[in-house]
Every structure is written in structure tokens, then in C-alpha cells.
N, C-alpha and C. Protein backbone atom coordinates (compact mmCIF):
# COMPACT_ATOMS: atom_id res chain seq x y z
N MET A 1 77.65 102.37 117.86
CA MET A 1 77.63 101.31 116.84
C MET A 1 77.71 101.70 115.54
N SER A 2 76.97 102.77 115.19
CA SER A 2 77.20 103.39 113.89
C SER A 2 78.32 104.02 113.66
N ASP A 3 79.37 104.43 114.47
CA ASP A 3 80.69 104.88 114.08
C ASP A 3 81.50 103.48 113.48
N ASN A 4 81.36 102.58 114.24
CA ASN A 4 81.98 101.41 113.62
C ASN A 4 81.42 100.85 112.36
N LEU A 5 80.07 101.03 112.03
CA LEU A 5 79.46 100.77 110.85
C LEU A 5 80.20 101.88 109.60
N THR A 6 80.20 102.82 110.18
CA THR A 6 80.64 104.04 109.31
C THR A 6 82.02 103.54 108.90
N ALA A 7 83.06 103.18 110.07
CA ALA A 7 84.23 102.92 109.57
C ALA A 7 84.46 101.55 108.66
N THR A 8 83.38 100.62 108.97
CA THR A 8 83.56 99.63 108.08
C THR A 8 83.22 99.80 106.38
N GLN A 9 82.31 100.64 106.24
CA GLN A 9 81.71 101.21 105.01
C GLN A 9 82.77 102.02 104.37
N ILE A 10 83.63 102.83 105.08
CA ILE A 10 84.65 103.57 104.53
C ILE A 10 85.60 102.75 104.00
N ALA A 11 86.03 101.61 104.91
CA ALA A 11 87.11 100.68 104.54
C ALA A 11 86.65 99.82 103.36
N ALA A 12 85.47 99.54 103.16
CA ALA A 12 85.11 98.95 102.16
C ALA A 12 84.87 99.66 100.83
N SER A 13 84.74 101.02 100.99
CA SER A 13 84.68 101.61 99.62
C SER A 13 86.18 101.79 99.24
N GLY A 14 87.14 101.99 100.28
CA GLY A 14 88.62 102.12 99.89
C GLY A 14 88.93 100.69 99.22
N MET A 15 88.49 99.59 99.58
CA MET A 15 88.94 98.29 99.00
C MET A 15 88.26 98.08 97.77
N LYS A 16 87.08 98.57 97.53
CA LYS A 16 86.31 98.57 96.31
C LYS A 16 87.27 99.50 95.01
N ALA A 17 87.57 100.72 95.62
CA ALA A 17 88.42 101.64 94.50
C ALA A 17 89.72 100.96 94.21
N GLN A 18 90.34 100.25 95.24
CA GLN A 18 91.80 99.91 94.83
C GLN A 18 91.58 98.56 94.15
N ALA A 19 90.50 97.93 94.37
CA ALA A 19 90.32 96.72 93.21
C ALA A 19 90.04 97.35 92.10
N VAL A 20 89.39 98.38 91.69
CA VAL A 20 89.04 98.94 90.42
C VAL A 20 90.61 99.37 89.84
N ARG A 21 91.32 100.03 90.62
CA ARG A 21 92.58 100.53 90.21
C ARG A 21 93.49 99.09 89.82
N LEU A 22 93.36 98.22 90.73
CA LEU A 22 94.22 96.87 90.22
C LEU A 22 93.88 96.45 88.88
N ARG A 23 92.43 96.48 88.69
CA ARG A 23 91.95 95.84 87.39
C ARG A 23 92.55 96.78 86.28
N HIS A 24 92.49 98.05 86.22
CA HIS A 24 93.02 98.87 85.31
C HIS A 24 94.57 98.70 85.08
N VAL A 25 95.43 98.54 86.16
CA VAL A 25 96.64 98.15 86.15
C VAL A 25 96.89 96.84 85.39
N SER A 26 96.15 95.77 85.80
CA SER A 26 96.17 94.60 84.96
C SER A 26 95.87 94.64 83.53
N GLU A 27 95.01 95.37 83.18
CA GLU A 27 94.66 95.58 81.76
C GLU A 27 95.83 96.33 81.25
N ASN A 28 96.58 97.37 81.63
CA ASN A 28 97.63 97.85 81.17
C ASN A 28 98.89 97.06 80.93
N ILE A 29 99.02 96.27 82.03
CA ILE A 29 100.14 95.22 81.89
C ILE A 29 99.93 94.33 80.60
N ALA A 30 98.58 93.82 80.65
CA ALA A 30 98.29 92.83 79.67
C ALA A 30 98.48 93.53 78.14
N ASN A 31 98.29 94.60 78.04
CA ASN A 31 98.14 95.26 76.62
C ASN A 31 99.48 96.12 76.48
N ALA A 32 100.67 96.04 77.18
CA ALA A 32 101.67 96.92 77.22
C ALA A 32 102.45 96.58 75.77
N ASP A 33 102.34 95.39 75.00
CA ASP A 33 102.81 95.33 73.78
C ASP A 33 101.90 95.47 72.62
N THR A 34 100.62 96.09 72.98
CA THR A 34 99.63 96.22 71.77
C THR A 34 99.79 97.48 71.16
N PRO A 35 100.08 97.51 69.89
CA PRO A 35 100.17 98.70 69.17
C PRO A 35 99.02 99.68 69.30
N GLY A 36 99.29 101.06 69.65
CA GLY A 36 98.25 102.09 69.64
C GLY A 36 97.57 101.97 71.10
N TYR A 37 97.82 101.30 72.15
CA TYR A 37 97.23 101.12 73.17
C TYR A 37 97.66 102.19 74.10
N ARG A 38 96.55 102.87 74.70
CA ARG A 38 96.86 104.08 75.71
C ARG A 38 96.69 103.66 77.07
N ARG A 39 97.51 103.83 77.84
CA ARG A 39 97.43 103.42 79.41
C ARG A 39 95.95 103.99 80.15
N LYS A 40 95.33 103.12 80.67
CA LYS A 40 94.21 103.67 81.45
C LYS A 40 94.61 104.04 82.73
N LEU A 41 93.92 105.23 83.16
CA LEU A 41 93.91 106.00 84.44
C LEU A 41 92.82 105.95 85.19
N VAL A 42 92.88 105.94 86.60
CA VAL A 42 91.68 106.14 87.45
C VAL A 42 92.23 107.03 88.49
N ALA A 43 91.40 107.93 88.95
CA ALA A 43 91.55 108.73 90.01
C ALA A 43 90.56 108.46 91.00
N PHE A 44 90.98 108.77 92.41
CA PHE A 44 90.12 108.82 93.47
C PHE A 44 89.40 109.94 93.82
N GLN A 45 88.19 109.95 94.30
CA GLN A 45 87.40 111.13 94.76
C GLN A 45 86.61 110.96 96.00
N GLU A 46 86.14 112.03 96.57
CA GLU A 46 85.38 111.57 97.66
C GLU A 46 83.90 111.16 97.25
N ALA A 47 83.38 110.38 98.01
CA ALA A 47 81.98 109.86 97.59
C ALA A 47 81.07 110.83 98.02
N VAL A 48 80.18 111.33 97.18
CA VAL A 48 79.11 112.30 97.42
C VAL A 48 77.91 111.82 97.08
N GLU A 49 76.69 111.82 97.83
CA GLU A 49 75.51 111.44 97.38
C GLU A 49 74.63 112.63 97.73
N PHE A 50 73.68 112.96 96.52
CA PHE A 50 72.88 114.13 96.75
C PHE A 50 73.53 115.36 97.43
N GLY A 51 74.64 115.66 96.98
CA GLY A 51 75.51 116.87 97.49
C GLY A 51 75.93 116.78 98.83
N ARG A 52 75.75 115.62 99.47
CA ARG A 52 76.29 115.45 100.91
C ARG A 52 77.68 114.34 100.78
N ARG A 53 78.50 114.49 101.61
CA ARG A 53 79.68 113.72 101.65
C ARG A 53 79.18 112.52 102.54
N LYS A 54 79.62 111.23 101.59
CA LYS A 54 79.34 109.97 102.46
C LYS A 54 80.44 109.25 103.42
N GLY A 55 81.67 110.09 103.14
CA GLY A 55 82.71 109.70 103.95
C GLY A 55 83.68 108.48 103.39
N GLY A 56 83.24 108.10 102.28
CA GLY A 56 84.02 107.10 101.47
C GLY A 56 84.63 107.57 100.46
N VAL A 57 85.23 106.78 99.53
CA VAL A 57 85.83 107.15 98.32
C VAL A 57 85.34 106.39 97.21
N GLU A 58 85.25 106.96 95.98
CA GLU A 58 85.07 106.15 94.92
C GLU A 58 85.88 106.44 93.62
N THR A 59 85.89 105.97 92.64
CA THR A 59 86.84 106.14 91.54
C THR A 59 86.30 107.04 90.44
N SER A 60 87.06 107.65 89.84
CA SER A 60 86.52 108.80 88.67
C SER A 60 86.34 107.86 87.62
N PRO A 61 85.72 108.37 86.36
CA PRO A 61 85.62 107.69 85.25
C PRO A 61 86.90 107.32 84.80
N THR A 62 87.01 106.29 84.07
CA THR A 62 88.42 105.94 83.59
C THR A 62 88.79 107.00 82.44
N ARG A 63 90.13 107.48 82.38
CA ARG A 63 90.62 108.23 81.63
C ARG A 63 91.92 107.58 80.81
N LEU A 64 92.31 107.88 79.69
CA LEU A 64 93.30 107.56 78.81
C LEU A 64 94.37 108.42 78.95
N ASP A 65 95.77 107.86 79.13
CA ASP A 65 96.99 108.55 79.20
C ASP A 65 97.00 109.24 77.79
N ARG A 66 97.17 110.72 77.95
CA ARG A 66 97.30 111.57 76.74
C ARG A 66 98.58 111.76 76.41
N ARG A 67 99.75 111.19 76.93
CA ARG A 67 101.02 111.19 76.36
C ARG A 67 101.27 110.69 75.07
N GLU A 68 102.15 111.19 74.34
CA GLU A 68 102.27 110.61 72.91
C GLU A 68 102.71 109.25 73.02
N LEU A 69 102.40 108.57 71.86
CA LEU A 69 102.47 107.20 71.59
C LEU A 69 103.97 107.08 71.07
N PRO A 70 104.80 106.22 71.44
CA PRO A 70 106.18 106.20 70.96
C PRO A 70 106.06 105.41 69.65
N GLN A 71 106.91 105.97 68.60
CA GLN A 71 107.14 105.49 67.35
C GLN A 71 108.01 104.38 67.30
N ILE A 72 107.76 103.27 66.80
CA ILE A 72 108.64 102.12 66.75
C ILE A 72 108.80 101.70 65.46
N PHE A 73 110.23 101.57 65.14
CA PHE A 73 110.83 101.31 63.69
C PHE A 73 110.74 99.87 63.52
N ASP A 74 109.95 99.30 62.63
CA ASP A 74 109.82 97.97 62.13
C ASP A 74 109.17 97.66 60.90
N PRO A 75 109.94 97.73 59.67
CA PRO A 75 109.13 97.77 58.61
C PRO A 75 108.52 96.32 58.23
N ALA A 76 108.74 95.48 59.04
CA ALA A 76 108.28 94.17 58.71
C ALA A 76 106.72 94.06 59.51
N HIS A 77 106.40 94.92 60.42
CA HIS A 77 105.33 95.04 61.11
C HIS A 77 104.18 95.33 60.30
N PRO A 78 102.97 94.54 60.33
CA PRO A 78 101.95 94.86 59.41
C PRO A 78 101.23 96.15 59.76
N MET A 79 101.40 96.80 60.89
CA MET A 79 100.82 98.18 60.97
C MET A 79 101.86 99.37 60.74
N ALA A 80 103.06 98.84 60.15
CA ALA A 80 103.97 100.03 59.76
C ALA A 80 103.61 100.81 58.73
N ASP A 81 103.94 102.02 58.61
CA ASP A 81 103.49 102.83 57.41
C ASP A 81 104.73 102.70 56.57
N ASP A 82 104.57 103.68 55.53
CA ASP A 82 105.58 103.57 54.38
C ASP A 82 106.88 103.74 54.75
N SER A 83 107.23 104.51 56.06
CA SER A 83 108.61 104.87 56.42
C SER A 83 109.14 103.70 57.40
N GLY A 84 108.21 102.74 57.83
CA GLY A 84 108.66 101.62 58.64
C GLY A 84 108.26 101.75 60.14
N TYR A 85 107.50 102.96 60.39
CA TYR A 85 107.21 102.97 61.80
C TYR A 85 105.90 102.69 62.05
N TYR A 86 105.77 102.24 63.52
CA TYR A 86 104.22 102.25 63.74
C TYR A 86 104.08 102.82 65.12
N LEU A 87 102.92 102.97 65.65
CA LEU A 87 102.70 103.52 67.06
C LEU A 87 102.67 102.53 67.92
N GLY A 88 103.52 102.49 69.12
CA GLY A 88 103.44 101.47 70.32
C GLY A 88 102.80 101.82 71.36
N SER A 89 102.72 101.35 72.23
CA SER A 89 102.18 101.61 73.56
C SER A 89 102.70 102.58 74.47
N ASN A 90 101.90 103.30 75.23
CA ASN A 90 102.66 104.34 76.16
C ASN A 90 102.63 103.75 77.68
N VAL A 91 102.40 102.25 77.73
CA VAL A 91 102.59 101.76 79.09
C VAL A 91 103.84 101.53 79.55
N ASP A 92 104.45 101.87 80.53
CA ASP A 92 105.60 101.49 81.32
C ASP A 92 105.48 100.57 82.33
N LEU A 93 106.02 99.40 82.13
CA LEU A 93 105.81 98.20 83.05
C LEU A 93 106.34 98.63 84.63
N VAL A 94 107.53 99.39 84.54
CA VAL A 94 107.86 99.66 85.96
C VAL A 94 106.88 100.43 86.80
N ILE A 95 106.36 101.34 85.94
CA ILE A 95 105.34 102.18 86.68
C ILE A 95 104.16 101.28 87.06
N GLU A 96 103.58 100.46 86.39
CA GLU A 96 102.72 99.75 86.36
C GLU A 96 102.69 98.61 87.80
N ILE A 97 103.90 98.09 87.58
CA ILE A 97 104.11 97.38 88.88
C ILE A 97 104.12 98.07 89.99
N ALA A 98 104.83 99.23 89.95
CA ALA A 98 104.82 100.00 91.26
C ALA A 98 103.23 100.60 91.67
N ASP A 99 102.51 100.85 90.72
CA ASP A 99 101.13 101.15 90.83
C ASP A 99 100.36 99.93 91.67
N ALA A 100 100.59 98.77 91.10
CA ALA A 100 100.09 97.57 91.39
C ALA A 100 100.52 97.27 92.79
N ARG A 101 101.75 97.52 93.30
CA ARG A 101 102.22 97.18 94.78
C ARG A 101 101.48 98.31 95.56
N GLU A 102 101.43 99.38 95.17
CA GLU A 102 100.79 100.49 96.13
C GLU A 102 99.26 100.05 96.09
N ALA A 103 98.47 99.77 95.27
CA ALA A 103 97.33 99.59 95.51
C ALA A 103 96.94 98.41 96.20
N ASN A 104 97.76 97.30 96.12
CA ASN A 104 97.89 95.99 96.62
C ASN A 104 97.99 96.42 98.15
N ARG A 105 99.06 97.21 98.54
CA ARG A 105 99.18 97.65 100.01
C ARG A 105 97.95 98.43 100.64
N SER A 106 97.28 99.17 99.82
CA SER A 106 96.25 100.20 100.34
C SER A 106 95.21 99.27 100.58
N TYR A 107 94.89 98.30 99.54
CA TYR A 107 93.68 97.35 99.82
C TYR A 107 93.85 96.45 101.00
N GLU A 108 95.19 96.01 101.49
CA GLU A 108 95.28 95.36 102.60
C GLU A 108 95.14 96.24 103.75
N ALA A 109 95.60 97.42 103.77
CA ALA A 109 95.39 98.38 104.90
C ALA A 109 93.85 98.50 105.19
N ASN A 110 93.18 98.66 104.11
CA ASN A 110 91.79 99.01 104.43
C ASN A 110 91.27 97.68 104.81
N LEU A 111 91.56 96.38 104.45
CA LEU A 111 91.17 95.21 104.85
C LEU A 111 91.39 95.17 106.35
N ARG A 112 92.53 95.46 106.84
CA ARG A 112 92.74 95.54 108.21
C ARG A 112 91.83 96.44 108.91
N VAL A 113 91.44 97.55 108.49
CA VAL A 113 90.57 98.45 109.24
C VAL A 113 89.34 97.91 109.27
N PHE A 114 88.79 97.19 108.16
CA PHE A 114 87.38 96.63 108.01
C PHE A 114 87.38 95.46 109.14
N GLU A 115 88.68 94.52 109.19
CA GLU A 115 88.48 93.51 109.94
C GLU A 115 88.53 93.95 111.53
N GLN A 116 89.20 94.92 111.75
CA GLN A 116 89.34 95.44 113.11
C GLN A 116 88.03 96.04 113.48
N SER A 117 87.23 96.85 112.70
CA SER A 117 86.04 97.47 112.91
C SER A 117 84.95 96.27 113.19
N ARG A 118 84.90 95.23 112.41
CA ARG A 118 84.19 94.19 112.61
C ARG A 118 84.45 93.35 113.91
N GLN A 119 85.74 93.25 114.40
CA GLN A 119 86.05 92.76 115.46
C GLN A 119 85.73 93.40 116.74
N MET A 120 85.62 94.77 116.64
CA MET A 120 85.14 95.65 117.73
C MET A 120 83.61 95.63 117.74
N SER A 121 82.97 95.62 116.78
CA SER A 121 81.67 95.49 116.68
C SER A 121 81.15 94.09 117.40
N SER A 122 81.81 92.96 117.06
CA SER A 122 81.57 91.71 117.73
C SER A 122 81.81 91.63 119.03
N SER A 123 82.99 92.36 119.55
CA SER A 123 83.34 92.41 121.09
C SER A 123 82.25 93.22 121.83
N LEU A 124 81.65 94.35 121.34
CA LEU A 124 80.71 95.03 121.86
C LEU A 124 79.57 94.28 122.03
N LEU A 125 79.14 93.53 121.07
CA LEU A 125 78.01 92.55 121.22
C LEU A 125 78.14 91.61 122.30
N ASP A 126 79.33 90.98 122.40
CA ASP A 126 79.43 90.13 123.40
C ASP A 126 79.57 90.92 124.86
N LEU A 127 79.97 92.02 124.95
CA LEU A 127 79.75 92.69 126.22
C LEU A 127 78.35 93.02 126.45
N ILE A 128 77.50 93.26 125.55
CA ILE A 128 76.12 93.55 125.66
C ILE A 128 75.36 92.30 126.16
N ARG A 129 75.82 91.34 125.63
CA ARG A 129 74.96 89.97 126.02
C ARG A 129 75.22 89.64 127.45
N ARG A 130 76.41 89.90 128.09
CA ARG A 130 76.64 89.55 129.51
C ARG A 130 75.80 90.39 130.49
């Protein structure tokens, strides 16, 4: 039974990590047109507690994409400098949508593992009761 519980915990950690990733993707999409906005990134790492592997996954601290911000020419923009340029956002909507789809599918896969593990535990309890 502890193996099923472990599988459930691993799947839950995966769902939590993908939810964090989806939140960052949503923030990036919402701020795609915000001048000076840098894309937020998150990486996954193995969950460790007191130097021991927990078997799950967790997200790293949020990082900002260090790629250069594009310079946009619009002399009428309030943030434009003397030459008419201002710094745009380094968010690429195509990449963000692809990341959102990937995170969504990974979340769904973890959810299926979670449900299957729960169903197996329930079936085992039914067998024990007989």
C-alpha cells in the first residue's frame, strides 16, 4: 500500500509543479505587450528533503529570461527615448502557447497516474474487506 501512496505523492508533486509552470506561462502571456517585461521561467528539479530524495519533483525559484529586450520604434510612445525607441517584451506568444500545451498535457498525465493509483488502492481495500 505504501507503494501506491508513493505513486500518488509523486503524481501530486508533478501536478503541483505543472500548475506553477502554467501560472508563469499565463503571466507571460498577459504581459506580452508590457514594455520592459522579461519572460518568467521555471525549471523542475528532484525534490530533496534533508539531503534525501523524496521521489517527487519541485519547481526551482523563478528566473527571468536574460535575452535582450527588443527595441521598438514608436516616437509617440510615452516610454520612448529621444531617438523614438523603447524596450519591448521578450515574450514570444508561440513559445508560450506551446509551453502551456505541454504543461497541460503533463498535468493531465500526472492526474491519470494519480487517479489510477487511487483506484488501485480502493480495489485493494475492497479485496481485503471480503
